Amino acid sequence: MAAPPETLRTPSSDADAVAGLDALDTPTVTRTPLWRRALATTVPPVLTLVVVIVAWQVLWASAIFPEFKLPAPGAVAEQFGEIVVDGSIWSITWTSVGRAIIGFLVAVAIATPLGLLVAKVPFVRTAIGPVLSGMQSLPSVAWVPAAVLWFGLTDATIYFVVLLGSVPSIANGLVSGIDQVPPILGRVGDVMGAGRLASARLILLPAALPGYLQGCKQGWAFAWRSLMAAEIIATSPQLGVGLGAYLKQGSDVNNIAGVISAIVLILIVGVGIELLVFKPLERRVLQTRGLATPA
């Protein structure tokens, strides 16, 4: 039985095969109209908010809970409107947001070199790696009483708690990102004559950026939580009135509408930072790696 003739590959067929493989690697970009993207991003949360308010109103109207435990949505809106009208909402919000931004930036400045050391120096990883993981799981509110005893009712207490809440998360995120960097990238830097600092700045940090960004995102969340805990517990006229102190004031006078309005304001700030800062950064990083299509 005669063997089948061999199929001869021509240069044109090889070029077509390479072009086909390139097409597989090229992400398909589909442009969505702006109005459709706006509807897709705004309608679901608005519907969820409407459902929550309606359920809240129904629960309040059923009188299952007394008024001092569950106020009407209108009462909370009225309380919220009062601080908007008198302008105190801006000072209250900025007191907390300003502290959170400063504390977070300082935490990034501390956690970044710390994470590099832990990731690249085995002795440092063995010595303080478990401590960082333990501190990340430790509720930062536990540091508030000790911070008050050490620093008194001052801004140092607030920033101390914020740093201890955010530094471990940022450092561990960077360590996790560096651990996932292919070792060949570091060897390429060595071959091209990059020193330790240049290799960290030009190779390690860009390659570990997704994990680093996730660590920063989690570090901000921990910083915000730590700040609220510190402001609720450590209250003093010298510290001013932030969101945590405003919530505590409502609790002290049994003003449940004021407490809920403070909680809503804290939630708005947290969601706003996520949508305006971290989500665009995360999408940008994914786009540069071909993991997300442009909007």
Protein backbone atom coordinates (compact mmCIF):
# COMPACT_ATOMS: atom_id res chain seq x y z
CA MET A 1 0.00 0.00 0.00
CA ALA A 2 1.49 3.30 -1.07
CA ALA A 3 2.19 5.90 1.62
CA PRO A 4 0.24 9.13 1.36
CA PRO A 5 2.20 11.95 -0.20
CA GLU A 6 3.75 14.42 2.23
CA THR A 7 2.15 17.81 2.53
CA LEU A 8 4.65 20.45 1.55
CA ARG A 9 4.65 23.66 3.65
CA THR A 10 5.25 26.76 1.64
CA PRO A 11 6.47 30.09 2.99
CA SER A 12 3.04 31.57 2.43
CA SER A 13 1.34 28.89 4.53
CA ASP A 14 3.87 29.46 7.36
CA ALA A 15 3.16 33.19 7.24
CA ASP A 16 -0.57 32.52 7.40
CA ALA A 17 -0.08 30.28 10.43
CA VAL A 18 1.96 32.93 12.23
CA ALA A 19 -0.65 35.56 11.38
CA GLY A 20 -3.34 33.27 12.80
CA LEU A 21 -1.44 32.86 16.05
CA ASP A 22 -0.95 36.62 16.30
CA ALA A 23 -4.67 37.09 15.82
CA LEU A 24 -5.32 34.75 18.73
CA ASP A 25 -3.07 36.86 20.97
CA THR A 26 -4.63 40.15 19.88
CA PRO A 27 -7.48 41.15 22.22
CA THR A 28 -10.78 41.87 20.54
CA VAL A 29 -11.81 45.46 21.24
CA THR A 30 -15.49 46.27 21.14
CA ARG A 31 -16.45 49.86 21.76
CA THR A 32 -19.58 50.26 23.86
CA PRO A 33 -21.52 53.52 23.50
CA LEU A 34 -21.06 55.94 26.37
CA TRP A 35 -24.75 56.05 27.25
CA ARG A 36 -24.90 52.27 27.46
CA ARG A 37 -21.86 52.13 29.73
CA ALA A 38 -23.40 54.84 31.92
CA LEU A 39 -26.64 52.89 32.21
CA ALA A 40 -24.81 49.64 32.94
CA THR A 41 -22.83 51.22 35.77
CA THR A 42 -25.52 53.42 37.34
CA VAL A 43 -28.82 51.56 36.99
CA PRO A 44 -27.96 48.44 39.07
CA PRO A 45 -26.73 50.34 42.17
CA VAL A 46 -29.60 52.84 41.90
CA LEU A 47 -32.13 50.00 41.75
CA THR A 48 -30.45 48.34 44.73
CA LEU A 49 -30.63 51.62 46.67
CA VAL A 50 -34.32 52.02 45.83
CA VAL A 51 -35.08 48.46 46.96
CA VAL A 52 -33.22 49.01 50.25
CA ILE A 53 -35.05 52.28 50.96
CA VAL A 54 -38.45 50.76 50.13
CA ALA A 55 -37.77 47.74 52.36
CA TRP A 56 -36.57 50.10 55.10
CA GLN A 57 -39.73 52.21 54.79
CA VAL A 58 -41.96 49.12 54.92
CA LEU A 59 -40.12 47.80 57.97
CA TRP A 60 -40.45 51.18 59.70
CA ALA A 61 -44.16 51.44 58.86
CA SER A 62 -44.79 47.97 60.31
CA ALA A 63 -43.67 49.32 63.71
CA ILE A 64 -41.82 46.13 64.58
CA PHE A 65 -39.02 48.19 66.09
CA PRO A 66 -39.48 51.34 68.17
CA GLU A 67 -38.64 54.73 66.64
CA PHE A 68 -35.48 55.16 68.68
CA LYS A 69 -34.08 51.95 67.18
CA LEU A 70 -35.26 52.23 63.58
CA PRO A 71 -36.01 55.74 62.30
CA ALA A 72 -37.85 56.45 59.07
CA PRO A 73 -35.74 57.05 55.95
CA GLY A 74 -37.16 60.57 55.88
CA ALA A 75 -35.80 61.27 59.38
CA VAL A 76 -32.32 60.19 58.33
CA ALA A 77 -32.56 62.27 55.17
CA GLU A 78 -33.60 65.26 57.27
CA GLN A 79 -30.66 64.77 59.62
CA PHE A 80 -28.34 64.45 56.62
CA GLY A 81 -29.81 67.58 55.09
CA GLU A 82 -29.12 69.59 58.24
CA ILE A 83 -25.36 69.09 58.07
CA VAL A 84 -25.46 69.81 54.34
CA VAL A 85 -27.34 73.07 54.83
CA ASP A 86 -25.17 74.37 57.68
CA GLY A 87 -22.02 73.34 55.78
CA SER A 88 -20.60 71.18 58.58
CA ILE A 89 -20.60 68.14 56.31
CA TRP A 90 -17.54 69.46 54.47
CA SER A 91 -15.44 70.03 57.59
CA ILE A 92 -16.52 66.71 59.11
CA THR A 93 -15.73 64.80 55.93
CA TRP A 94 -12.44 66.54 55.19
CA THR A 95 -11.16 66.04 58.75
CA SER A 96 -11.40 62.28 58.27
CA VAL A 97 -10.47 62.12 54.59
CA GLY A 98 -7.42 64.35 55.12
CA ARG A 99 -6.20 62.13 57.95
CA ALA A 100 -6.80 59.00 55.88
CA ILE A 101 -4.90 60.35 52.87
CA ILE A 102 -1.90 61.46 54.93
CA GLY A 103 -1.81 58.21 56.89
CA PHE A 104 -2.16 56.13 53.74
CA LEU A 105 0.63 57.97 51.89
CA VAL A 106 2.96 57.56 54.88
CA ALA A 107 1.99 53.88 55.05
CA VAL A 108 2.87 53.43 51.36
CA ALA A 109 6.24 55.11 51.92
CA ILE A 110 6.97 52.74 54.82
CA ALA A 111 5.46 49.53 53.43
CA THR A 112 7.07 49.67 49.97
CA PRO A 113 10.73 49.33 51.05
CA LEU A 114 9.64 47.02 53.85
CA GLY A 115 7.90 44.75 51.36
CA LEU A 116 10.95 44.74 49.08
CA LEU A 117 13.16 43.70 52.00
CA VAL A 118 10.82 40.93 53.08
CA ALA A 119 10.49 39.63 49.51
CA LYS A 120 14.19 39.67 48.60
CA VAL A 121 16.07 39.06 51.88
CA PRO A 122 15.40 35.57 53.30
CA PHE A 123 16.49 36.50 56.83
CA VAL A 124 14.10 39.46 56.95
CA ARG A 125 11.25 37.31 55.60
CA THR A 126 11.89 34.69 58.25
CA ALA A 127 12.18 37.31 61.00
CA ILE A 128 9.23 39.62 60.35
CA GLY A 129 7.15 37.92 57.64
CA PRO A 130 4.94 36.07 60.16
CA VAL A 131 4.68 39.24 62.25
CA LEU A 132 3.33 41.20 59.27
CA SER A 133 0.77 38.47 58.56
CA GLY A 134 -0.28 38.42 62.20
CA MET A 135 -0.60 42.20 62.36
CA GLN A 136 -2.72 42.16 59.21
CA SER A 137 -5.21 39.82 60.88
CA LEU A 138 -5.17 41.77 64.17
CA PRO A 139 -8.11 44.21 64.43
CA SER A 140 -6.58 47.67 64.46
CA VAL A 141 -9.12 48.84 67.04
CA ALA A 142 -7.11 46.81 69.55
CA TRP A 143 -4.29 49.35 69.20
CA VAL A 144 -6.45 52.35 70.12
CA PRO A 145 -6.32 52.02 73.95
CA ALA A 146 -2.55 51.51 73.88
CA ALA A 147 -2.09 54.44 71.49
CA VAL A 148 -4.13 56.70 73.77
CA LEU A 149 -1.93 55.76 76.72
CA TRP A 150 1.26 56.31 74.71
CA PHE A 151 0.41 59.48 72.82
CA GLY A 152 -2.63 60.90 74.59
CA LEU A 153 -5.64 62.31 72.76
CA THR A 154 -3.60 63.73 69.88
CA ASP A 155 -3.33 63.28 66.15
CA ALA A 156 -0.36 60.97 66.77
CA THR A 157 -2.78 58.43 68.22
CA ILE A 158 -4.93 58.55 65.11
CA TYR A 159 -2.02 58.21 62.68
CA PHE A 160 -0.39 55.45 64.72
CA VAL A 161 -3.53 53.31 64.49
CA VAL A 162 -3.95 54.07 60.78
CA LEU A 163 -0.35 53.05 60.03
CA LEU A 164 -0.60 49.80 61.94
CA GLY A 165 -3.79 49.01 60.08
CA SER A 166 -2.51 49.70 56.57
CA VAL A 167 1.26 49.00 56.49
CA PRO A 168 0.99 45.18 56.85
CA SER A 169 -1.57 44.90 54.05
CA ILE A 170 0.46 47.01 51.61
CA ALA A 171 3.72 45.22 52.43
CA ASN A 172 2.16 41.75 52.14
CA GLY A 173 0.55 42.72 48.83
CA LEU A 174 3.92 43.76 47.45
CA VAL A 175 5.55 40.56 48.73
CA SER A 176 2.83 38.48 47.08
CA GLY A 177 3.27 40.37 43.82
CA ILE A 178 7.05 39.94 43.82
CA ASP A 179 6.73 36.22 44.58
CA GLN A 180 4.75 35.85 41.35
CA VAL A 181 7.34 37.63 39.19
CA PRO A 182 9.16 35.14 36.91
CA PRO A 183 12.78 34.77 38.12
CA ILE A 184 14.05 35.22 34.58
CA LEU A 185 13.17 38.93 34.73
CA GLY A 186 15.59 39.44 37.58
CA ARG A 187 18.31 37.57 35.70
CA VAL A 188 17.69 39.73 32.64
CA GLY A 189 18.25 42.81 34.80
CA ASP A 190 21.51 41.34 36.12
CA VAL A 191 22.72 40.61 32.59
CA MET A 192 21.96 44.18 31.53
CA GLY A 193 23.91 45.55 34.47
CA ALA A 194 21.03 46.81 36.64
CA GLY A 195 21.97 47.31 40.29
CA ARG A 196 19.74 46.44 43.24
CA LEU A 197 17.92 49.78 43.31
CA ALA A 198 17.54 49.96 39.54
CA SER A 199 16.32 46.36 39.40
CA ALA A 200 13.75 47.03 42.13
CA ARG A 201 12.55 50.26 40.52
CA LEU A 202 12.56 49.21 36.86
CA ILE A 203 11.84 45.48 37.03
CA LEU A 204 10.42 44.20 40.30
CA LEU A 205 7.92 46.95 41.09
CA PRO A 206 6.44 47.17 37.56
CA ALA A 207 6.21 43.38 37.29
CA ALA A 208 4.63 43.11 40.75
CA LEU A 209 2.26 46.03 40.15
CA PRO A 210 -1.01 44.01 40.13
CA GLY A 211 -0.30 42.46 43.54
CA TYR A 212 1.09 45.76 44.84
CA LEU A 213 -2.05 47.59 43.72
CA GLN A 214 -4.26 45.03 45.43
CA GLY A 215 -2.22 45.47 48.59
CA CYS A 216 -2.63 49.26 48.38
CA LYS A 217 -6.35 48.84 47.81
CA GLN A 218 -6.67 46.62 50.85
CA GLY A 219 -4.34 48.93 52.79
CA TRP A 220 -6.64 51.88 52.08
CA ALA A 221 -9.65 49.87 53.29
CA PHE A 222 -7.80 48.95 56.49
CA ALA A 223 -6.65 52.54 56.95
CA TRP A 224 -10.21 53.82 56.61
CA ARG A 225 -11.54 51.27 59.10
CA SER A 226 -8.71 51.99 61.52
CA LEU A 227 -9.35 55.71 61.27
CA MET A 228 -13.04 55.31 62.05
CA ALA A 229 -12.26 53.12 65.07
CA ALA A 230 -9.70 55.61 66.37
CA GLU A 231 -12.01 58.61 65.88
CA ILE A 232 -14.88 56.87 67.65
CA ILE A 233 -12.81 55.92 70.70
CA ALA A 234 -10.30 58.78 70.91
CA THR A 235 -12.51 61.87 71.02
CA SER A 236 -11.28 65.27 72.14
CA PRO A 237 -11.93 68.93 71.25
CA GLN A 238 -8.29 69.16 70.17
CA LEU A 239 -8.86 66.43 67.57
CA GLY A 240 -11.81 68.16 65.94
CA VAL A 241 -14.92 66.42 64.64
CA GLY A 242 -14.44 63.80 61.97
CA LEU A 243 -16.85 61.18 60.73
CA GLY A 244 -16.08 58.84 63.62
CA ALA A 245 -16.56 61.58 66.21
CA TYR A 246 -19.78 62.68 64.49
CA LEU A 247 -21.09 59.11 64.73
CA LYS A 248 -20.08 58.96 68.41
CA GLN A 249 -21.90 62.22 69.13
CA GLY A 250 -25.11 60.79 67.71
CA SER A 251 -24.70 57.65 69.81
CA ASP A 252 -24.06 59.64 73.00
CA VAL A 253 -27.38 61.51 72.70
CA ASN A 254 -29.36 58.47 71.44
CA ASN A 255 -29.85 60.14 68.04
CA ILE A 256 -30.24 57.08 65.85
CA ALA A 257 -30.98 59.20 62.79
CA GLY A 258 -27.65 60.98 63.27
CA VAL A 259 -25.86 57.65 63.73
CA ILE A 260 -27.28 56.22 60.52
CA SER A 261 -26.54 59.42 58.59
CA ALA A 262 -22.92 59.19 59.77
CA ILE A 263 -22.75 55.55 58.67
CA VAL A 264 -24.15 56.49 55.26
CA LEU A 265 -21.59 59.29 54.90
CA ILE A 266 -18.74 56.92 55.84
CA LEU A 267 -20.01 54.45 53.23
CA ILE A 268 -20.27 57.16 50.56
CA VAL A 269 -16.66 58.23 51.10
CA GLY A 270 -15.42 54.63 51.02
CA VAL A 271 -17.30 53.80 47.83
CA GLY A 272 -16.26 57.09 46.25
CA ILE A 273 -12.55 56.46 46.81
CA GLU A 274 -12.94 52.97 45.37
CA LEU A 275 -14.72 54.16 42.22
CA LEU A 276 -12.70 57.32 41.60
CA VAL A 277 -9.19 56.13 42.50
CA PHE A 278 -8.61 52.41 42.74
CA LYS A 279 -10.99 51.10 40.09
CA PRO A 280 -9.50 53.29 37.28
CA LEU A 281 -5.97 52.38 38.40
CA GLU A 282 -6.81 48.69 38.48
CA ARG A 283 -8.40 48.83 35.04
CA ARG A 284 -5.41 50.70 33.65
CA VAL A 285 -2.99 48.09 34.98
CA LEU A 286 -5.08 45.26 33.52
CA GLN A 287 -5.26 47.03 30.15
CA THR A 288 -1.49 47.41 29.94
CA ARG A 289 -1.21 43.65 30.43
CA GLY A 290 -3.89 42.81 27.88
CA LEU A 291 -6.27 41.50 30.56
CA ALA A 292 -9.00 44.09 29.96
CA THR A 293 -10.25 45.87 26.90
CA PRO A 294 -10.37 49.67 26.72
CA ALA A 295 -13.69 51.20 27.72
